[in-house]
């Protein structure tokens, strides 16, 4: 359950670019490593059926 608040923030901020940036910055401030943030965002894209970013 590590970083559950940060993950929730990341999950709910994908509709707006600025919110997304703030969510990533906040997750990092909460101690979530950037690698884990990227993996979580990739997983969200996968379950939502989005094309992966290149």
N, C-alpha and C. Protein backbone atom coordinates (compact mmCIF):
# COMPACT_ATOMS: atom_id res chain seq x y z
N UNK A 1 0.81 -1.21 0.00
CA UNK A 1 0.00 0.00 0.00
C UNK A 1 0.85 1.26 0.00
N UNK A 2 2.09 1.10 -0.29
CA UNK A 2 2.97 2.26 -0.33
C UNK A 2 2.53 3.21 -1.43
N UNK A 3 2.51 4.47 -1.11
CA UNK A 3 2.22 5.54 -2.07
C UNK A 3 0.79 5.52 -2.61
N UNK A 4 -0.16 5.00 -1.85
CA UNK A 4 -1.55 4.93 -2.34
C UNK A 4 -2.13 6.31 -2.60
N UNK A 5 -1.84 7.28 -1.75
CA UNK A 5 -2.36 8.64 -1.98
C UNK A 5 -1.77 9.24 -3.24
N UNK A 6 -0.48 9.02 -3.46
CA UNK A 6 0.17 9.54 -4.65
C UNK A 6 -0.42 8.89 -5.90
N UNK A 7 -0.67 7.58 -5.85
CA UNK A 7 -1.25 6.87 -6.99
C UNK A 7 -2.65 7.38 -7.29
N UNK A 8 -3.44 7.63 -6.27
CA UNK A 8 -4.79 8.16 -6.47
C UNK A 8 -4.72 9.54 -7.12
N UNK A 9 -3.80 10.35 -6.67
CA UNK A 9 -3.61 11.67 -7.25
C UNK A 9 -3.22 11.57 -8.72
N UNK A 10 -2.31 10.66 -9.04
CA UNK A 10 -1.89 10.46 -10.43
C UNK A 10 -3.05 9.96 -11.29
N UNK A 11 -3.83 9.06 -10.74
CA UNK A 11 -4.93 8.47 -11.47
C UNK A 11 -6.00 9.49 -11.83
N UNK A 12 -6.25 10.43 -10.96
CA UNK A 12 -7.34 11.38 -11.18
C UNK A 12 -6.90 12.65 -11.90
N UNK A 13 -5.63 12.75 -12.25
CA UNK A 13 -5.14 14.00 -12.85
C UNK A 13 -4.84 13.89 -14.33
N UNK A 14 -5.24 12.83 -14.99
CA UNK A 14 -4.87 12.63 -16.39
C UNK A 14 -5.68 13.46 -17.37
N UNK A 15 -6.72 14.13 -16.95
CA UNK A 15 -7.56 14.89 -17.88
C UNK A 15 -6.98 16.26 -18.22
N UNK A 16 -6.16 16.79 -17.34
CA UNK A 16 -5.62 18.14 -17.53
C UNK A 16 -4.09 18.09 -17.42
N UNK A 17 -3.41 18.68 -18.39
CA UNK A 17 -1.94 18.63 -18.44
C UNK A 17 -1.30 19.24 -17.19
N UNK A 18 -1.77 20.41 -16.77
CA UNK A 18 -1.19 21.08 -15.60
C UNK A 18 -1.43 20.24 -14.34
N UNK A 19 -2.63 19.71 -14.19
CA UNK A 19 -2.92 18.84 -13.03
C UNK A 19 -2.01 17.62 -13.04
N UNK A 20 -1.76 17.09 -14.22
CA UNK A 20 -0.89 15.93 -14.35
C UNK A 20 0.53 16.25 -13.88
N UNK A 21 1.06 17.37 -14.30
CA UNK A 21 2.40 17.80 -13.89
C UNK A 21 2.46 17.99 -12.38
N UNK A 22 1.46 18.66 -11.83
CA UNK A 22 1.41 18.89 -10.39
C UNK A 22 1.32 17.56 -9.63
N UNK A 23 0.54 16.62 -10.17
CA UNK A 23 0.39 15.31 -9.53
C UNK A 23 1.72 14.56 -9.50
N UNK A 24 2.47 14.61 -10.60
CA UNK A 24 3.77 13.94 -10.65
C UNK A 24 4.72 14.59 -9.66
N UNK A 25 4.75 15.92 -9.62
CA UNK A 25 5.62 16.62 -8.68
C UNK A 25 5.23 16.29 -7.23
N UNK A 26 3.95 16.26 -6.95
CA UNK A 26 3.48 15.95 -5.61
C UNK A 26 3.82 14.52 -5.22
N UNK A 27 3.66 13.59 -6.14
CA UNK A 27 4.01 12.19 -5.87
C UNK A 27 5.50 12.07 -5.53
N UNK A 28 6.33 12.82 -6.26
CA UNK A 28 7.76 12.80 -5.96
C UNK A 28 8.05 13.40 -4.59
N UNK A 29 7.35 14.47 -4.24
CA UNK A 29 7.53 15.08 -2.92
C UNK A 29 7.08 14.15 -1.81
N UNK A 30 6.13 13.26 -2.12
CA UNK A 30 5.65 12.29 -1.14
C UNK A 30 6.59 11.10 -1.01
N UNK A 31 7.65 11.10 -1.80
CA UNK A 31 8.66 10.06 -1.70
C UNK A 31 8.54 8.94 -2.72
N UNK A 32 7.64 9.07 -3.68
CA UNK A 32 7.47 8.04 -4.70
C UNK A 32 8.57 8.21 -5.75
N UNK A 33 9.36 7.18 -6.00
CA UNK A 33 10.43 7.30 -7.00
C UNK A 33 9.88 7.52 -8.40
N UNK A 34 10.62 8.29 -9.21
CA UNK A 34 10.17 8.59 -10.57
C UNK A 34 9.94 7.32 -11.38
N UNK A 35 10.77 6.33 -11.20
CA UNK A 35 10.61 5.06 -11.92
C UNK A 35 9.26 4.42 -11.60
N UNK A 36 8.87 4.47 -10.34
CA UNK A 36 7.58 3.90 -9.94
C UNK A 36 6.42 4.73 -10.49
N UNK A 37 6.58 6.03 -10.53
CA UNK A 37 5.56 6.92 -11.10
C UNK A 37 5.36 6.57 -12.58
N UNK A 38 6.46 6.43 -13.31
CA UNK A 38 6.38 6.11 -14.74
C UNK A 38 5.72 4.75 -14.96
N UNK A 39 6.10 3.76 -14.14
CA UNK A 39 5.49 2.44 -14.27
C UNK A 39 4.00 2.49 -13.99
N UNK A 40 3.60 3.26 -12.98
CA UNK A 40 2.19 3.36 -12.65
C UNK A 40 1.41 4.06 -13.76
N UNK A 41 1.97 5.12 -14.31
CA UNK A 41 1.30 5.83 -15.41
C UNK A 41 1.19 4.95 -16.65
N UNK A 42 2.23 4.17 -16.93
CA UNK A 42 2.16 3.22 -18.05
C UNK A 42 1.07 2.18 -17.82
N UNK A 43 0.96 1.69 -16.59
CA UNK A 43 -0.07 0.72 -16.24
C UNK A 43 -1.47 1.32 -16.41
N UNK A 44 -1.62 2.58 -15.98
CA UNK A 44 -2.92 3.25 -16.16
C UNK A 44 -3.27 3.35 -17.64
N UNK A 45 -2.30 3.72 -18.46
CA UNK A 45 -2.54 3.80 -19.90
C UNK A 45 -2.95 2.45 -20.46
N UNK A 46 -2.31 1.40 -19.99
CA UNK A 46 -2.60 0.06 -20.46
C UNK A 46 -4.04 -0.36 -20.13
N UNK A 47 -4.46 -0.13 -18.89
CA UNK A 47 -5.81 -0.56 -18.52
C UNK A 47 -6.88 0.34 -19.12
N UNK A 48 -6.51 1.55 -19.47
CA UNK A 48 -7.47 2.47 -20.10
C UNK A 48 -7.50 2.30 -21.62
N UNK A 49 -6.57 1.53 -22.15
CA UNK A 49 -6.53 1.29 -23.58
C UNK A 49 -5.88 2.40 -24.37
N UNK A 50 -5.02 3.17 -23.75
CA UNK A 50 -4.33 4.26 -24.44
C UNK A 50 -3.09 3.73 -25.15
N UNK A 51 -2.71 4.41 -26.20
CA UNK A 51 -1.47 4.08 -26.89
C UNK A 51 -0.28 4.49 -26.03
N UNK A 52 0.76 3.66 -25.93
CA UNK A 52 1.93 4.03 -25.14
C UNK A 52 2.68 5.20 -25.76
N UNK A 53 3.22 6.06 -24.92
CA UNK A 53 4.02 7.19 -25.38
C UNK A 53 5.40 6.69 -25.81
N UNK A 54 5.94 7.28 -26.86
CA UNK A 54 7.27 6.85 -27.33
C UNK A 54 8.29 7.91 -27.10
